[in-house]
Amino acid sequence: MSQRAVFFDRDGVLDVDTGYISRPEEIRWIPGALDTLALLKRKGYLVFVVTNQSGIARGYFTVETMNHLHAFMEKEIEAAGGAIDHIYFCPHHPTKGVIPELTIRCSCRKPQPGLILQAFRDYDVDKEHSFLVGDRMSDVDAALGAGIPGFLFQEGNLCDFVKRILARQASARGI
């Protein structure tokens, strides 16, 4: 049976974007982020992170470093009662990489929808009742390219923002 899903960009939506974050001590959660992930778990949503991580192509950090950071984030999220089902990332940059095999145009770097489409292949996602929250138009464009709505979050409390989206969706379904 298909499950509703929420896709989040990482930097600027779940954590404060301070530029090329690669160490656990650099994580500063956006207000309401941990509460949001706990709320969505209680409501039975799949939760995905879809994030461009060109710092890998640029040589700022490695995939292993990023995986260590994501494991730390997931542990903090779980301690707060939330969960992330999968983190999808794009390590590429089309022009500014120093690692040749990662300096490419790809289908996974937002605004391309490749990361979201991969989640659709990996999980039974109810696309009609799913959405993305991002802080850039490239995030929203990726969502639209994958056939789901995208919402632009720029400041405030993430949990309040997501609750408004959930209320609008419930109202549209007549719940």
Protein backbone atom coordinates (compact mmCIF):
# COMPACT_ATOMS: atom_id res chain seq x y z
CA MET A 1 0.00 0.00 0.00
CA SER A 2 1.36 3.41 -0.98
CA GLN A 3 2.45 5.75 1.78
CA ARG A 4 2.36 9.52 1.89
CA ALA A 5 5.81 11.06 1.93
CA VAL A 6 7.44 14.37 2.69
CA PHE A 7 10.71 15.28 1.01
CA PHE A 8 12.98 17.83 2.66
CA ASP A 9 15.97 19.69 1.39
CA ARG A 10 18.65 19.52 4.10
CA ASP A 11 20.60 22.77 4.42
CA GLY A 12 18.33 25.74 5.05
CA VAL A 13 15.30 23.56 5.85
CA LEU A 14 16.33 21.02 8.49
CA ASP A 15 19.59 22.64 9.52
CA VAL A 16 20.89 26.18 9.31
CA ASP A 17 22.79 26.60 6.04
CA THR A 18 26.22 27.87 7.00
CA GLY A 19 27.89 26.54 3.86
CA TYR A 20 29.37 23.11 3.17
CA ILE A 21 28.56 21.55 6.53
CA SER A 22 30.58 18.39 7.06
CA ARG A 23 31.05 17.88 10.82
CA PRO A 24 28.45 17.08 13.50
CA GLU A 25 29.45 20.07 15.61
CA GLU A 26 28.42 22.34 12.71
CA ILE A 27 24.77 21.23 12.83
CA ARG A 28 22.33 23.83 14.12
CA TRP A 29 18.75 22.66 13.71
CA ILE A 30 16.16 24.96 12.17
CA PRO A 31 13.51 25.86 14.79
CA GLY A 32 10.84 23.16 14.76
CA ALA A 33 12.81 20.74 12.54
CA LEU A 34 13.06 17.92 15.07
CA ASP A 35 9.41 18.41 16.10
CA THR A 36 8.40 18.22 12.43
CA LEU A 37 10.14 14.89 11.90
CA ALA A 38 8.55 13.46 15.07
CA LEU A 39 5.10 14.70 13.96
CA LEU A 40 5.44 13.11 10.52
CA LYS A 41 6.54 9.80 12.03
CA ARG A 42 3.49 9.80 14.31
CA LYS A 43 1.27 10.49 11.30
CA GLY A 44 2.77 7.59 9.33
CA TYR A 45 4.57 9.57 6.63
CA LEU A 46 7.68 8.40 4.87
CA VAL A 47 10.36 11.08 5.29
CA PHE A 48 13.13 11.65 2.80
CA VAL A 49 15.96 14.13 2.54
CA VAL A 50 17.01 15.14 -0.97
CA THR A 51 20.13 17.26 -0.93
CA ASN A 52 22.72 18.63 -3.33
CA GLN A 53 26.15 18.09 -1.79
CA SER A 54 28.55 19.60 -4.31
CA GLY A 55 31.12 19.96 -1.52
CA ILE A 56 32.03 16.38 -2.41
CA ALA A 57 32.78 17.24 -6.07
CA ARG A 58 34.59 20.37 -4.92
CA GLY A 59 36.85 18.29 -2.67
CA TYR A 60 35.69 19.97 0.57
CA PHE A 61 34.68 16.64 2.13
CA THR A 62 34.20 12.99 1.17
CA VAL A 63 31.15 10.76 0.89
CA GLU A 64 32.35 9.01 4.06
CA THR A 65 32.51 12.33 5.94
CA MET A 66 29.00 13.19 4.76
CA ASN A 67 27.69 9.74 5.73
CA HIS A 68 29.14 10.24 9.23
CA LEU A 69 27.36 13.60 9.46
CA HIS A 70 24.08 12.05 8.28
CA ALA A 71 24.39 9.22 10.83
CA PHE A 72 24.82 11.85 13.56
CA MET A 73 21.77 13.76 12.30
CA GLU A 74 19.66 10.58 12.16
CA LYS A 75 20.64 9.71 15.73
CA GLU A 76 19.56 13.15 16.97
CA ILE A 77 16.32 12.91 15.00
CA GLU A 78 15.55 9.47 16.46
CA ALA A 79 16.30 10.74 19.99
CA ALA A 80 13.67 13.44 19.38
CA GLY A 81 11.08 10.84 18.30
CA GLY A 82 11.44 11.30 14.55
CA ALA A 83 12.89 9.31 11.70
CA ILE A 84 14.25 9.69 8.21
CA ASP A 85 13.55 6.80 5.88
CA HIS A 86 16.35 7.65 3.48
CA ILE A 87 18.76 10.47 2.65
CA TYR A 88 19.37 10.89 -1.06
CA PHE A 89 22.24 13.13 -2.11
CA CYS A 90 23.85 14.40 -5.26
CA PRO A 91 27.66 14.64 -5.02
CA HIS A 92 28.05 16.31 -8.44
CA HIS A 93 28.65 19.79 -9.73
CA PRO A 94 28.60 20.47 -13.47
CA THR A 95 31.49 22.98 -13.53
CA LYS A 96 33.09 23.65 -10.14
CA GLY A 97 34.29 20.22 -9.12
CA VAL A 98 37.91 19.20 -8.65
CA ILE A 99 37.11 15.48 -8.80
CA PRO A 100 36.71 14.75 -12.52
CA GLU A 101 34.22 11.88 -12.23
CA LEU A 102 31.95 14.11 -10.10
CA THR A 103 32.26 17.19 -12.30
CA ILE A 104 29.38 16.30 -14.56
CA ARG A 105 25.86 17.26 -15.52
CA CYS A 106 23.54 14.70 -13.97
CA SER A 107 19.87 13.95 -13.40
CA CYS A 108 20.18 13.96 -9.61
CA ARG A 109 21.31 17.54 -8.97
CA LYS A 110 18.31 19.71 -8.19
CA PRO A 111 16.50 21.30 -10.01
CA GLN A 112 16.51 17.92 -11.80
CA PRO A 113 14.06 15.50 -10.15
CA GLY A 114 16.37 12.48 -10.07
CA LEU A 115 16.66 12.14 -6.28
CA ILE A 116 12.89 12.22 -5.83
CA LEU A 117 12.35 9.82 -8.70
CA GLN A 118 14.84 7.43 -7.10
CA ALA A 119 12.78 7.47 -3.90
CA PHE A 120 9.70 6.64 -5.99
CA ARG A 121 11.56 3.61 -7.38
CA ASP A 122 12.84 2.53 -3.94
CA TYR A 123 9.63 3.02 -1.95
CA ASP A 124 5.89 2.73 -2.59
CA VAL A 125 5.15 6.47 -2.41
CA ASP A 126 1.63 7.87 -2.70
CA LYS A 127 2.59 10.75 -5.00
CA GLU A 128 -0.87 12.31 -4.87
CA HIS A 129 -0.54 12.95 -1.12
CA SER A 130 3.17 13.75 -0.94
CA PHE A 131 5.12 17.00 -1.15
CA LEU A 132 8.53 18.60 -0.80
CA VAL A 133 9.75 21.43 1.42
CA GLY A 134 12.79 23.34 0.20
CA ASP A 135 14.40 26.72 0.65
CA ARG A 136 15.24 27.40 -3.01
CA MET A 137 13.29 27.43 -6.24
CA SER A 138 15.55 24.63 -7.50
CA ASP A 139 14.01 22.42 -4.77
CA VAL A 140 10.48 23.36 -5.81
CA ASP A 141 11.36 22.82 -9.48
CA ALA A 142 12.67 19.32 -8.68
CA ALA A 143 9.41 18.50 -6.90
CA LEU A 144 7.32 19.76 -9.79
CA GLY A 145 9.48 17.79 -12.22
CA ALA A 146 8.73 14.66 -10.19
CA GLY A 147 5.00 15.41 -10.20
CA ILE A 148 4.54 16.48 -6.57
CA PRO A 149 3.96 19.93 -5.06
CA GLY A 150 6.89 21.85 -3.66
CA PHE A 151 6.70 24.46 -0.93
CA LEU A 152 9.23 27.22 -0.34
CA PHE A 153 10.32 27.53 3.31
CA GLN A 154 12.45 30.57 3.98
CA GLU A 155 12.20 31.33 7.69
CA GLY A 156 10.26 30.69 10.86
CA ASN A 157 9.31 27.48 12.60
CA LEU A 158 9.40 24.48 10.28
CA CYS A 159 6.80 22.56 12.30
CA ASP A 160 4.28 25.40 12.04
CA PHE A 161 4.98 25.62 8.29
CA VAL A 162 4.46 21.87 7.71
CA LYS A 163 1.33 21.80 9.90
CA ARG A 164 -0.20 24.46 7.62
CA ILE A 165 0.59 22.33 4.56
CA LEU A 166 -0.90 19.23 6.18
CA ALA A 167 -4.05 21.18 7.14
CA ARG A 168 -4.45 22.46 3.56
CA GLN A 169 -4.06 18.94 2.20
CA ALA A 170 -6.60 17.54 4.67
CA SER A 171 -9.03 20.34 3.79
CA ALA A 172 -8.61 19.67 0.08
CA ARG A 173 -9.43 15.99 0.68
CA GLY A 174 -12.45 16.96 2.78
CA ILE A 175 -11.04 15.49 6.00
